[in-house]
Amino acid sequence: MEMFEVGRSDDGDISILYIKGYLDAHTAPKLEQELQNLIDEGKYKIIVNFNELSYISSAGLGVFMGFIETIREKEGDIKLSSMNPKIFRVFDLLGFPTLYDILDTDEEAKKKFA
């Protein structure tokens, strides 16, 4: 089975999740749990850093769609950063850039929350 890991760091009211490895139907629940934890803690300004993600499936994409409404209702957002071109293409094909801010770096994503 492919590995998937989620790391986290907090910077004031912004939380960054670092996802690594393969995000698919088997590993998506791990990311769902991390996002749910943030919501439970009242953290709604979220950056997901894709720097070390090597693969994403439709199940992985679905995780983002599953949480965005709740988070935006709370005046928060999910910003996506540091995607490699292969991963970006998947998001781009599905129209994600019109729904989400996709930025090159965490710093740029943080500025979007300002």
PDB file of N, CA and C in Angstrom:
ATOM      1  N   MET A   1       0.838  -1.199   0.000  1.00  0.00           N
ATOM      2  CA  MET A   1       0.000   0.000   0.000  1.00  0.00           C
ATOM      3  C   MET A   1       0.877   1.255   0.000  1.00  0.00           C
ATOM      4  N   GLU A   2       0.467   2.266  -0.727  1.00  0.00           N
ATOM      5  CA  GLU A   2       1.254   3.498  -0.812  1.00  0.00           C
ATOM      6  C   GLU A   2       1.147   4.289   0.486  1.00  0.00           C
ATOM      7  N   MET A   3       2.197   4.984   0.809  1.00  0.00           N
ATOM      8  CA  MET A   3       2.232   5.766   2.037  1.00  0.00           C
ATOM      9  C   MET A   3       1.591   7.134   1.838  1.00  0.00           C
ATOM     10  N   PHE A   4       0.971   7.609   2.913  1.00  0.00           N
ATOM     11  CA  PHE A   4       0.437   8.967   2.916  1.00  0.00           C
ATOM     12  C   PHE A   4       0.627   9.518   4.315  1.00  0.00           C
ATOM     13  N   GLU A   5       1.125  10.733   4.396  1.00  0.00           N
ATOM     14  CA  GLU A   5       1.330  11.359   5.694  1.00  0.00           C
ATOM     15  C   GLU A   5       0.799  12.780   5.668  1.00  0.00           C
ATOM     16  N   VAL A   6       0.345  13.228   6.822  1.00  0.00           N
ATOM     17  CA  VAL A   6      -0.081  14.617   6.980  1.00  0.00           C
ATOM     18  C   VAL A   6       0.680  15.206   8.155  1.00  0.00           C
ATOM     19  N   GLY A   7       1.375  16.317   7.894  1.00  0.00           N
ATOM     20  CA  GLY A   7       2.014  17.070   8.971  1.00  0.00           C
ATOM     21  C   GLY A   7       1.249  18.368   9.156  1.00  0.00           C
ATOM     22  N   ARG A   8       1.487  19.038  10.275  1.00  0.00           N
ATOM     23  CA  ARG A   8       0.750  20.269  10.525  1.00  0.00           C
ATOM     24  C   ARG A   8       1.627  21.282  11.235  1.00  0.00           C
ATOM     25  N   SER A   9       1.460  22.536  10.868  1.00  0.00           N
ATOM     26  CA  SER A   9       2.054  23.607  11.658  1.00  0.00           C
ATOM     27  C   SER A   9       1.049  24.737  11.734  1.00  0.00           C
ATOM     28  N   ASP A  10       1.077  25.466  12.832  1.00  0.00           N
ATOM     29  CA  ASP A  10       0.159  26.595  13.027  1.00  0.00           C
ATOM     30  C   ASP A  10       0.956  27.878  13.058  1.00  0.00           C
ATOM     31  N   ASP A  11       0.425  28.904  12.411  1.00  0.00           N
ATOM     32  CA  ASP A  11       1.044  30.216  12.407  1.00  0.00           C
ATOM     33  C   ASP A  11      -0.052  31.209  12.759  1.00  0.00           C
ATOM     34  N   GLY A  12      -0.177  31.532  14.029  1.00  0.00           N
ATOM     35  CA  GLY A  12      -1.283  32.374  14.464  1.00  0.00           C
ATOM     36  C   GLY A  12      -2.593  31.658  14.205  1.00  0.00           C
ATOM     37  N   ASP A  13      -3.504  32.324  13.500  1.00  0.00           N
ATOM     38  CA  ASP A  13      -4.807  31.698  13.244  1.00  0.00           C
ATOM     39  C   ASP A  13      -4.828  30.899  11.942  1.00  0.00           C
ATOM     40  N   ILE A  14      -3.665  30.757  11.316  1.00  0.00           N
ATOM     41  CA  ILE A  14      -3.582  29.986  10.068  1.00  0.00           C
ATOM     42  C   ILE A  14      -2.923  28.637  10.357  1.00  0.00           C
ATOM     43  N   SER A  15      -3.536  27.577   9.860  1.00  0.00           N
ATOM     44  CA  SER A  15      -2.961  26.236  10.009  1.00  0.00           C
ATOM     45  C   SER A  15      -2.527  25.733   8.644  1.00  0.00           C
ATOM     46  N   ILE A  16      -1.354  25.112   8.612  1.00  0.00           N
ATOM     47  CA  ILE A  16      -0.844  24.552   7.355  1.00  0.00           C
ATOM     48  C   ILE A  16      -0.769  23.039   7.501  1.00  0.00           C
ATOM     49  N   LEU A  17      -1.372  22.341   6.554  1.00  0.00           N
ATOM     50  CA  LEU A  17      -1.250  20.890   6.487  1.00  0.00           C
ATOM     51  C   LEU A  17      -0.280  20.552   5.365  1.00  0.00           C
ATOM     52  N   TYR A  18       0.696  19.716   5.671  1.00  0.00           N
ATOM     53  CA  TYR A  18       1.676  19.281   4.675  1.00  0.00           C
ATOM     54  C   TYR A  18       1.323  17.848   4.296  1.00  0.00           C
ATOM     55  N   ILE A  19       0.907  17.649   3.051  1.00  0.00           N
ATOM     56  CA  ILE A  19       0.521  16.297   2.662  1.00  0.00           C
ATOM     57  C   ILE A  19       1.608  15.680   1.798  1.00  0.00           C
ATOM     58  N   LYS A  20       1.822  14.383   2.001  1.00  0.00           N
ATOM     59  CA  LYS A  20       2.972  13.712   1.414  1.00  0.00           C
ATOM     60  C   LYS A  20       2.569  12.319   0.939  1.00  0.00           C
ATOM     61  N   GLY A  21       2.996  11.965  -0.277  1.00  0.00           N
ATOM     62  CA  GLY A  21       2.786  10.607  -0.755  1.00  0.00           C
ATOM     63  C   GLY A  21       1.589  10.485  -1.692  1.00  0.00           C
ATOM     64  N   TYR A  22       0.782   9.465  -1.445  1.00  0.00           N
ATOM     65  CA  TYR A  22      -0.347   9.137  -2.314  1.00  0.00           C
ATOM     66  C   TYR A  22      -1.664   9.433  -1.622  1.00  0.00           C
ATOM     67  N   LEU A  23      -2.462  10.312  -2.237  1.00  0.00           N
ATOM     68  CA  LEU A  23      -3.784  10.624  -1.688  1.00  0.00           C
ATOM     69  C   LEU A  23      -4.829   9.970  -2.580  1.00  0.00           C
ATOM     70  N   ASP A  24      -5.422   8.882  -2.073  1.00  0.00           N
ATOM     71  CA  ASP A  24      -6.418   8.150  -2.855  1.00  0.00           C
ATOM     72  C   ASP A  24      -7.532   7.672  -1.926  1.00  0.00           C
ATOM     73  N   ALA A  25      -8.374   6.772  -2.408  1.00  0.00           N
ATOM     74  CA  ALA A  25      -9.521   6.327  -1.613  1.00  0.00           C
ATOM     75  C   ALA A  25      -9.095   5.705  -0.280  1.00  0.00           C
ATOM     76  N   HIS A  26      -7.929   5.050  -0.275  1.00  0.00           N
ATOM     77  CA  HIS A  26      -7.463   4.394   0.948  1.00  0.00           C
ATOM     78  C   HIS A  26      -6.938   5.384   1.973  1.00  0.00           C
ATOM     79  N   THR A  27      -6.326   6.461   1.486  1.00  0.00           N
ATOM     80  CA  THR A  27      -5.660   7.397   2.398  1.00  0.00           C
ATOM     81  C   THR A  27      -6.472   8.665   2.652  1.00  0.00           C
ATOM     82  N   ALA A  28      -7.497   8.912   1.840  1.00  0.00           N
ATOM     83  CA  ALA A  28      -8.305  10.129   2.006  1.00  0.00           C
ATOM     84  C   ALA A  28      -8.875  10.293   3.425  1.00  0.00           C
ATOM     85  N   PRO A  29      -9.314   9.204   4.096  1.00  0.00           N
ATOM     86  CA  PRO A  29      -9.855   9.387   5.454  1.00  0.00           C
ATOM     87  C   PRO A  29      -8.872  10.027   6.422  1.00  0.00           C
ATOM     88  N   LYS A  30      -7.574   9.820   6.203  1.00  0.00           N
ATOM     89  CA  LYS A  30      -6.559  10.429   7.070  1.00  0.00           C
ATOM     90  C   LYS A  30      -6.590  11.952   6.924  1.00  0.00           C
ATOM     91  N   LEU A  31      -6.701  12.423   5.679  1.00  0.00           N
ATOM     92  CA  LEU A  31      -6.772  13.867   5.447  1.00  0.00           C
ATOM     93  C   LEU A  31      -8.106  14.421   5.954  1.00  0.00           C
ATOM     94  N   GLU A  32      -9.186  13.674   5.744  1.00  0.00           N
ATOM     95  CA  GLU A  32     -10.492  14.101   6.262  1.00  0.00           C
ATOM     96  C   GLU A  32     -10.428  14.297   7.770  1.00  0.00           C
ATOM     97  N   GLN A  33      -9.783  13.365   8.451  1.00  0.00           N
ATOM     98  CA  GLN A  33      -9.674  13.458   9.911  1.00  0.00           C
ATOM     99  C   GLN A  33      -8.899  14.704  10.324  1.00  0.00           C
ATOM    100  N   GLU A  34      -7.809  14.996   9.622  1.00  0.00           N
ATOM    101  CA  GLU A  34      -7.010  16.186   9.946  1.00  0.00           C
ATOM    102  C   GLU A  34      -7.823  17.463   9.744  1.00  0.00           C
ATOM    103  N   LEU A  35      -8.573  17.524   8.650  1.00  0.00           N
ATOM    104  CA  LEU A  35      -9.404  18.712   8.396  1.00  0.00           C
ATOM    105  C   LEU A  35     -10.507  18.820   9.445  1.00  0.00           C
ATOM    106  N   GLN A  36     -11.095  17.687   9.797  1.00  0.00           N
ATOM    107  CA  GLN A  36     -12.131  17.693  10.826  1.00  0.00           C
ATOM    108  C   GLN A  36     -11.568  18.170  12.162  1.00  0.00           C
ATOM    109  N   ASN A  37     -10.341  17.742  12.482  1.00  0.00           N
ATOM    110  CA  ASN A  37      -9.703  18.198  13.723  1.00  0.00           C
ATOM    111  C   ASN A  37      -9.571  19.717  13.750  1.00  0.00           C
ATOM    112  N   LEU A  38      -9.163  20.304  12.603  1.00  0.00           N
ATOM    113  CA  LEU A  38      -9.020  21.761  12.535  1.00  0.00           C
ATOM    114  C   LEU A  38     -10.364  22.445  12.770  1.00  0.00           C
ATOM    115  N   ILE A  39     -11.405  21.930  12.131  1.00  0.00           N
ATOM    116  CA  ILE A  39     -12.743  22.506  12.302  1.00  0.00           C
ATOM    117  C   ILE A  39     -13.177  22.387  13.762  1.00  0.00           C
ATOM    118  N   ASP A  40     -12.924  21.223  14.349  1.00  0.00           N
ATOM    119  CA  ASP A  40     -13.290  21.013  15.757  1.00  0.00           C
ATOM    120  C   ASP A  40     -12.570  21.989  16.678  1.00  0.00           C
ATOM    121  N   GLU A  41     -11.357  22.385  16.278  1.00  0.00           N
ATOM    122  CA  GLU A  41     -10.575  23.345  17.075  1.00  0.00           C
ATOM    123  C   GLU A  41     -10.936  24.791  16.742  1.00  0.00           C
ATOM    124  N   GLY A  42     -11.858  24.977  15.813  1.00  0.00           N
ATOM    125  CA  GLY A  42     -12.244  26.328  15.424  1.00  0.00           C
ATOM    126  C   GLY A  42     -11.232  27.002  14.524  1.00  0.00           C
ATOM    127  N   LYS A  43     -10.440  26.193  13.817  1.00  0.00           N
ATOM    128  CA  LYS A  43      -9.445  26.760  12.890  1.00  0.00           C
ATOM    129  C   LYS A  43      -9.994  26.638  11.465  1.00  0.00           C
ATOM    130  N   TYR A  44     -10.264  27.794  10.861  1.00  0.00           N
ATOM    131  CA  TYR A  44     -10.907  27.788   9.544  1.00  0.00           C
ATOM    132  C   TYR A  44     -10.048  28.418   8.455  1.00  0.00           C
ATOM    133  N   LYS A  45      -8.864  28.896   8.820  1.00  0.00           N
ATOM    134  CA  LYS A  45      -7.937  29.425   7.805  1.00  0.00           C
ATOM    135  C   LYS A  45      -6.885  28.349   7.585  1.00  0.00           C
ATOM    136  N   ILE A  46      -7.022  27.649   6.476  1.00  0.00           N
ATOM    137  CA  ILE A  46      -6.225  26.447   6.256  1.00  0.00           C
ATOM    138  C   ILE A  46      -5.466  26.540   4.937  1.00  0.00           C
ATOM    139  N   ILE A  47      -4.189  26.213   4.999  1.00  0.00           N
ATOM    140  CA  ILE A  47      -3.378  26.088   3.792  1.00  0.00           C
ATOM    141  C   ILE A  47      -2.986  24.623   3.682  1.00  0.00           C
ATOM    142  N   VAL A  48      -3.167  24.050   2.510  1.00  0.00           N
ATOM    143  CA  VAL A  48      -2.695  22.685   2.290  1.00  0.00           C
ATOM    144  C   VAL A  48      -1.511  22.757   1.337  1.00  0.00           C
ATOM    145  N   ASN A  49      -0.360  22.301   1.822  1.00  0.00           N
ATOM    146  CA  ASN A  49       0.882  22.341   1.065  1.00  0.00           C
ATOM    147  C   ASN A  49       1.080  20.994   0.369  1.00  0.00           C
ATOM    148  N   PHE A  50       1.162  21.043  -0.964  1.00  0.00           N
ATOM    149  CA  PHE A  50       1.232  19.838  -1.797  1.00  0.00           C
ATOM    150  C   PHE A  50       2.654  19.482  -2.216  1.00  0.00           C
ATOM    151  N   ASN A  51       3.637  20.157  -1.639  1.00  0.00           N
ATOM    152  CA  ASN A  51       5.006  20.021  -2.109  1.00  0.00           C
ATOM    153  C   ASN A  51       5.465  18.564  -2.247  1.00  0.00           C
ATOM    154  N   GLU A  52       5.100  17.716  -1.293  1.00  0.00           N
ATOM    155  CA  GLU A  52       5.579  16.329  -1.321  1.00  0.00           C
ATOM    156  C   GLU A  52       4.490  15.333  -1.726  1.00  0.00           C
ATOM    157  N   LEU A  53       3.392  15.838  -2.273  1.00  0.00           N
ATOM    158  CA  LEU A  53       2.348  14.921  -2.743  1.00  0.00           C
ATOM    159  C   LEU A  53       2.718  14.432  -4.131  1.00  0.00           C
ATOM    160  N   SER A  54       2.731  13.122  -4.320  1.00  0.00           N
ATOM    161  CA  SER A  54       3.125  12.591  -5.628  1.00  0.00           C
ATOM    162  C   SER A  54       1.940  12.119  -6.459  1.00  0.00           C
ATOM    163  N   TYR A  55       0.789  11.900  -5.812  1.00  0.00           N
ATOM    164  CA  TYR A  55      -0.373  11.399  -6.559  1.00  0.00           C
ATOM    165  C   TYR A  55      -1.658  11.804  -5.848  1.00  0.00           C
ATOM    166  N   ILE A  56      -2.681  12.160  -6.621  1.00  0.00           N
ATOM    167  CA  ILE A  56      -4.002  12.420  -6.042  1.00  0.00           C
ATOM    168  C   ILE A  56      -5.059  11.793  -6.940  1.00  0.00           C
ATOM    169  N   SER A  57      -6.042  11.123  -6.334  1.00  0.00           N
ATOM    170  CA  SER A  57      -7.150  10.527  -7.100  1.00  0.00           C
ATOM    171  C   SER A  57      -8.403  11.370  -6.901  1.00  0.00           C
ATOM    172  N   SER A  58      -9.469  10.991  -7.578  1.00  0.00           N
ATOM    173  CA  SER A  58     -10.729  11.734  -7.432  1.00  0.00           C
ATOM    174  C   SER A  58     -11.221  11.686  -5.982  1.00  0.00           C
ATOM    175  N   ALA A  59     -10.949  10.591  -5.284  1.00  0.00           N
ATOM    176  CA  ALA A  59     -11.334  10.514  -3.870  1.00  0.00           C
ATOM    177  C   ALA A  59     -10.592  11.569  -3.056  1.00  0.00           C
ATOM    178  N   GLY A  60      -9.321  11.777  -3.406  1.00  0.00           N
ATOM    179  CA  GLY A  60      -8.533  12.802  -2.725  1.00  0.00           C
ATOM    180  C   GLY A  60      -9.083  14.190  -2.998  1.00  0.00           C
ATOM    181  N   LEU A  61      -9.439  14.436  -4.252  1.00  0.00           N
ATOM    182  CA  LEU A  61     -10.027  15.730  -4.616  1.00  0.00           C
ATOM    183  C   LEU A  61     -11.336  15.946  -3.874  1.00  0.00           C
ATOM    184  N   GLY A  62     -12.077  14.867  -3.711  1.00  0.00           N
ATOM    185  CA  GLY A  62     -13.377  14.960  -3.041  1.00  0.00           C
ATOM    186  C   GLY A  62     -13.282  15.443  -1.608  1.00  0.00           C
ATOM    187  N   VAL A  63     -12.157  15.165  -0.963  1.00  0.00           N
ATOM    188  CA  VAL A  63     -11.975  15.605   0.421  1.00  0.00           C
ATOM    189  C   VAL A  63     -12.104  17.128   0.498  1.00  0.00           C
ATOM    190  N   PHE A  64     -11.488  17.814  -0.457  1.00  0.00           N
ATOM    191  CA  PHE A  64     -11.527  19.282  -0.426  1.00  0.00           C
ATOM    192  C   PHE A  64     -12.940  19.801  -0.645  1.00  0.00           C
ATOM    193  N   MET A  65     -13.653  19.169  -1.563  1.00  0.00           N
ATOM    194  CA  MET A  65     -15.031  19.582  -1.829  1.00  0.00           C
ATOM    195  C   MET A  65     -15.918  19.320  -0.611  1.00  0.00           C
ATOM    196  N   GLY A  66     -15.592  18.272   0.134  1.00  0.00           N
ATOM    197  CA  GLY A  66     -16.411  17.895   1.281  1.00  0.00           C
ATOM    198  C   GLY A  66     -16.362  18.888   2.429  1.00  0.00           C
ATOM    199  N   PHE A  67     -15.275  19.656   2.522  1.00  0.00           N
ATOM    200  CA  PHE A  67     -15.105  20.543   3.675  1.00  0.00           C
ATOM    201  C   PHE A  67     -15.252  22.026   3.359  1.00  0.00           C
ATOM    202  N   ILE A  68     -15.127  22.383   2.084  1.00  0.00           N
ATOM    203  CA  ILE A  68     -14.996  23.807   1.763  1.00  0.00           C
ATOM    204  C   ILE A  68     -16.219  24.626   2.170  1.00  0.00           C
ATOM    205  N   GLU A  69     -17.407  24.043   2.009  1.00  0.00           N
ATOM    206  CA  GLU A  69     -18.623  24.796   2.334  1.00  0.00           C
ATOM    207  C   GLU A  69     -18.674  25.143   3.824  1.00  0.00           C
ATOM    208  N   THR A  70     -18.440  24.130   4.662  1.00  0.00           N
ATOM    209  CA  THR A  70     -18.429  24.344   6.114  1.00  0.00           C
ATOM    210  C   THR A  70     -17.431  25.420   6.499  1.00  0.00           C
ATOM    211  N   ILE A  71     -16.244  25.344   5.921  1.00  0.00           N
ATOM    212  CA  ILE A  71     -15.175  26.270   6.284  1.00  0.00           C
ATOM    213  C   ILE A  71     -15.498  27.686   5.810  1.00  0.00           C
ATOM    214  N   ARG A  72     -16.049  27.818   4.616  1.00  0.00           N
ATOM    215  CA  ARG A  72     -16.384  29.162   4.125  1.00  0.00           C
ATOM    216  C   ARG A  72     -17.564  29.757   4.871  1.00  0.00           C
ATOM    217  N   GLU A  73     -18.466  28.919   5.348  1.00  0.00           N
ATOM    218  CA  GLU A  73     -19.575  29.425   6.175  1.00  0.00           C
ATOM    219  C   GLU A  73     -19.040  30.057   7.457  1.00  0.00           C
ATOM    220  N   LYS A  74     -17.880  29.612   7.893  1.00  0.00           N
ATOM    221  CA  LYS A  74     -17.268  30.140   9.122  1.00  0.00           C
ATOM    222  C   LYS A  74     -16.279  31.254   8.803  1.00  0.00           C
ATOM    223  N   GLU A  75     -16.390  31.849   7.617  1.00  0.00           N
ATOM    224  CA  GLU A  75     -15.505  32.948   7.205  1.00  0.00           C
ATOM    225  C   GLU A  75     -14.070  32.486   6.980  1.00  0.00           C
ATOM    226  N   GLY A  76     -13.861  31.198   6.795  1.00  0.00           N
ATOM    227  CA  GLY A  76     -12.517  30.689   6.547  1.00  0.00           C
ATOM    228  C   GLY A  76     -12.357  30.291   5.094  1.00  0.00           C
ATOM    229  N   ASP A  77     -11.256  29.622   4.807  1.00  0.00           N
ATOM    230  CA  ASP A  77     -11.014  29.147   3.444  1.00  0.00           C
ATOM    231  C   ASP A  77      -9.916  28.090   3.479  1.00  0.00           C
ATOM    232  N   ILE A  78      -9.855  27.325   2.406  1.00  0.00           N
ATOM    233  CA  ILE A  78      -8.742  26.402   2.198  1.00  0.00           C
ATOM    234  C   ILE A  78      -7.962  26.924   0.996  1.00  0.00           C
ATOM    235  N   LYS A  79      -6.702  27.273   1.226  1.00  0.00           N
ATOM    236  CA  LYS A  79      -5.824  27.688   0.129  1.00  0.00           C
ATOM    237  C   LYS A  79      -4.886  26.533  -0.166  1.00  0.00           C
ATOM    238  N   LEU A  80      -4.530  26.374  -1.427  1.00  0.00           N
ATOM    239  CA  LEU A  80      -3.674  25.266  -1.837  1.00  0.00           C
ATOM    240  C   LEU A  80      -2.339  25.825  -2.303  1.00  0.00           C
ATOM    241  N   SER A  81      -1.232  25.212  -1.854  1.00  0.00           N
ATOM    242  CA  SER A  81       0.070  25.764  -2.228  1.00  0.00           C
ATOM    243  C   SER A  81       1.042  24.678  -2.661  1.00  0.00           C
ATOM    244  N   SER A  82       2.067  25.127  -3.397  1.00  0.00           N
ATOM    245  CA  SER A  82       3.243  24.308  -3.723  1.00  0.00           C
ATOM    246  C   SER A  82       2.925  23.020  -4.479  1.00  0.00           C
ATOM    247  N   MET A  83       1.990  23.108  -5.429  1.00  0.00           N
ATOM    248  CA  MET A  83       1.669  21.922  -6.233  1.00  0.00           C
ATOM    249  C   MET A  83       2.689  21.728  -7.338  1.00  0.00           C
ATOM    250  N   ASN A  84       3.049  20.483  -7.594  1.00  0.00           N
ATOM    251  CA  ASN A  84       3.884  20.250  -8.771  1.00  0.00           C
ATOM    252  C   ASN A  84       2.987  20.275 -10.015  1.00  0.00           C
ATOM    253  N   PRO A  85       3.573  20.436 -11.200  1.00  0.00           N
ATOM    254  CA  PRO A  85       2.756  20.591 -12.418  1.00  0.00           C
ATOM    255  C   PRO A  85       1.806  19.422 -12.673  1.00  0.00           C
ATOM    256  N   LYS A  86       2.224  18.225 -12.334  1.00  0.00           N
ATOM    257  CA  LYS A  86       1.383  17.047 -12.573  1.00  0.00           C
ATOM    258  C   LYS A  86       0.110  17.100 -11.722  1.00  0.00           C
ATOM    259  N   ILE A  87       0.278  17.441 -10.448  1.00  0.00           N
ATOM    260  CA  ILE A  87      -0.877  17.536  -9.545  1.00  0.00           C
ATOM    261  C   ILE A  87      -1.752  18.726  -9.953  1.00  0.00           C
ATOM    262  N   PHE A  88      -1.096  19.850 -10.291  1.00  0.00           N
ATOM    263  CA  PHE A  88      -1.869  21.030 -10.691  1.00  0.00           C
ATOM    264  C   PHE A  88      -2.756  20.715 -11.894  1.00  0.00           C
ATOM    265  N   ARG A  89      -2.237  19.948 -12.840  1.00  0.00           N
ATOM    266  CA  ARG A  89      -3.020  19.608 -14.025  1.00  0.00           C
ATOM    267  C   ARG A  89      -4.327  18.913 -13.666  1.00  0.00           C
ATOM    268  N   VAL A  90      -4.267  18.022 -12.683  1.00  0.00           N
ATOM    269  CA  VAL A  90      -5.473  17.320 -12.243  1.00  0.00           C
ATOM    270  C   VAL A  90      -6.493  18.325 -11.703  1.00  0.00           C
ATOM    271  N   PHE A  91      -6.034  19.220 -10.844  1.00  0.00           N
ATOM    272  CA  PHE A  91      -6.924  20.239 -10.283  1.00  0.00           C
ATOM    273  C   PHE A  91      -7.466  21.150 -11.382  1.00  0.00           C
ATOM    274  N   ASP A  92      -6.583  21.515 -12.312  1.00  0.00           N
ATOM    275  CA  ASP A  92      -6.944  22.428 -13.385  1.00  0.00           C
ATOM    276  C   ASP A  92      -8.026  21.819 -14.287  1.00  0.00           C
ATOM    277  N   LEU A  93      -7.860  20.546 -14.621  1.00  0.00           N
ATOM    278  CA  LEU A  93      -8.843  19.860 -15.482  1.00  0.00           C
ATOM    279  C   LEU A  93     -10.234  19.877 -14.875  1.00  0.00           C
ATOM    280  N   LEU A  94     -10.289  19.825 -13.543  1.00  0.00           N
ATOM    281  CA  LEU A  94     -11.584  19.760 -12.862  1.00  0.00           C
ATOM    282  C   LEU A  94     -12.095  21.136 -12.453  1.00  0.00           C
ATOM    283  N   GLY A  95     -11.416  22.184 -12.907  1.00  0.00           N
ATOM    284  CA  GLY A  95     -11.913  23.536 -12.655  1.00  0.00           C
ATOM    285  C   GLY A  95     -11.636  24.074 -11.260  1.00  0.00           C
ATOM    286  N   PHE A  96     -10.755  23.425 -10.521  1.00  0.00           N
ATOM    287  CA  PHE A  96     -10.475  23.873  -9.157  1.00  0.00           C
ATOM    288  C   PHE A  96      -9.944  25.308  -9.066  1.00  0.00           C
ATOM    289  N   PRO A  97      -9.127  25.761 -10.045  1.00  0.00           N
ATOM    290  CA  PRO A  97      -8.606  27.130  -9.905  1.00  0.00           C
ATOM    291  C   PRO A  97      -9.698  28.204  -9.857  1.00  0.00           C
ATOM    292  N   THR A  98     -10.889  27.908 -10.309  1.00  0.00           N
ATOM    293  CA  THR A  98     -11.964  28.897 -10.192  1.00  0.00           C
ATOM    294  C   THR A  98     -12.610  28.847  -8.810  1.00  0.00           C
ATOM    295  N   LEU A  99     -12.402  27.761  -8.061  1.00  0.00           N
ATOM    296  CA  LEU A  99     -13.027  27.587  -6.751  1.00  0.00           C
ATOM    297  C   LEU A  99     -12.069  27.865  -5.600  1.00  0.00           C
ATOM    298  N   TYR A 100     -10.790  27.656  -5.862  1.00  0.00           N
ATOM    299  CA  TYR A 100      -9.772  27.744  -4.803  1.00  0.00           C
ATOM    300  C   TYR A 100      -8.636  28.630  -5.251  1.00  0.00           C
ATOM    301  N   ASP A 101      -8.004  29.295  -4.261  1.00  0.00           N
ATOM    302  CA  ASP A 101      -6.743  29.967  -4.545  1.00  0.00           C
ATOM    303  C   ASP A 101      -5.653  28.911  -4.553  1.00  0.00           C
ATOM    304  N   ILE A 102      -4.943  28.794  -5.657  1.00  0.00           N
ATOM    305  CA  ILE A 102      -3.822  27.867  -5.761  1.00  0.00           C
ATOM    306  C   ILE A 102      -2.564  28.703  -5.948  1.00  0.00           C
ATOM    307  N   LEU A 103      -1.688  28.655  -4.943  1.00  0.00           N
ATOM    308  CA  LEU A 103      -0.547  29.556  -4.904  1.00  0.00           C
ATOM    309  C   LEU A 103       0.767  28.789  -4.914  1.00  0.00           C
ATOM    310  N   ASP A 104       1.833  29.492  -5.280  1.00  0.00           N
ATOM    311  CA  ASP A 104       3.136  28.839  -5.397  1.00  0.00           C
ATOM    312  C   ASP A 104       3.758  28.532  -4.037  1.00  0.00           C
ATOM    313  N   THR A 105       3.506  29.400  -3.046  1.00  0.00           N
ATOM    314  CA  THR A 105       4.161  29.226  -1.746  1.00  0.00           C
ATOM    315  C   THR A 105       3.170  29.434  -0.603  1.00  0.00           C
ATOM    316  N   ASP A 106       3.537  28.916   0.572  1.00  0.00           N
ATOM    317  CA  ASP A 106       2.726  29.141   1.772  1.00  0.00           C
ATOM    318  C   ASP A 106       2.651  30.629   2.093  1.00  0.00           C
ATOM    319  N   GLU A 107       3.756  31.334   1.877  1.00  0.00           N
ATOM    320  CA  GLU A 107       3.777  32.768   2.183  1.00  0.00           C
ATOM    321  C   GLU A 107       2.722  33.522   1.366  1.00  0.00           C
ATOM    322  N   GLU A 108       2.642  33.187   0.071  1.00  0.00           N
ATOM    323  CA  GLU A 108       1.632  33.840  -0.771  1.00  0.00           C
ATOM    324  C   GLU A 108       0.232  33.487  -0.282  1.00  0.00           C
ATOM    325  N   ALA A 109       0.052  32.236   0.124  1.00  0.00           N
ATOM    326  CA  ALA A 109      -1.263  31.806   0.614  1.00  0.00           C
ATOM    327  C   ALA A 109      -1.633  32.568   1.892  1.00  0.00           C
ATOM    328  N   LYS A 110      -0.646  32.755   2.779  1.00  0.00           N
ATOM    329  CA  LYS A 110      -0.906  33.497   4.020  1.00  0.00           C
ATOM    330  C   LYS A 110      -1.346  34.918   3.706  1.00  0.00           C
ATOM    331  N   LYS A 111      -0.697  35.535   2.710  1.00  0.00           N
ATOM    332  CA  LYS A 111      -1.050  36.919   2.364  1.00  0.00           C
ATOM    333  C   LYS A 111      -2.490  36.998   1.883  1.00  0.00           C
ATOM    334  N   LYS A 112      -2.980  35.945   1.236  1.00  0.00           N
ATOM    335  CA  LYS A 112      -4.363  35.939   0.765  1.00  0.00           C
ATOM    336  C   LYS A 112      -5.360  35.988   1.916  1.00  0.00           C
ATOM    337  N   PHE A 113      -4.942  35.533   3.093  1.00  0.00           N
ATOM    338  CA  PHE A 113      -5.832  35.583   4.251  1.00  0.00           C
ATOM    339  C   PHE A 113      -5.835  36.969   4.900  1.00  0.00           C
ATOM    340  N   ALA A 114      -4.816  37.776   4.594  1.00  0.00           N
ATOM    341  CA  ALA A 114      -4.688  39.078   5.270  1.00  0.00           C
ATOM    342  C   ALA A 114      -5.806  40.027   4.863  1.00  0.00           C
TER     343      ALA A 114
END
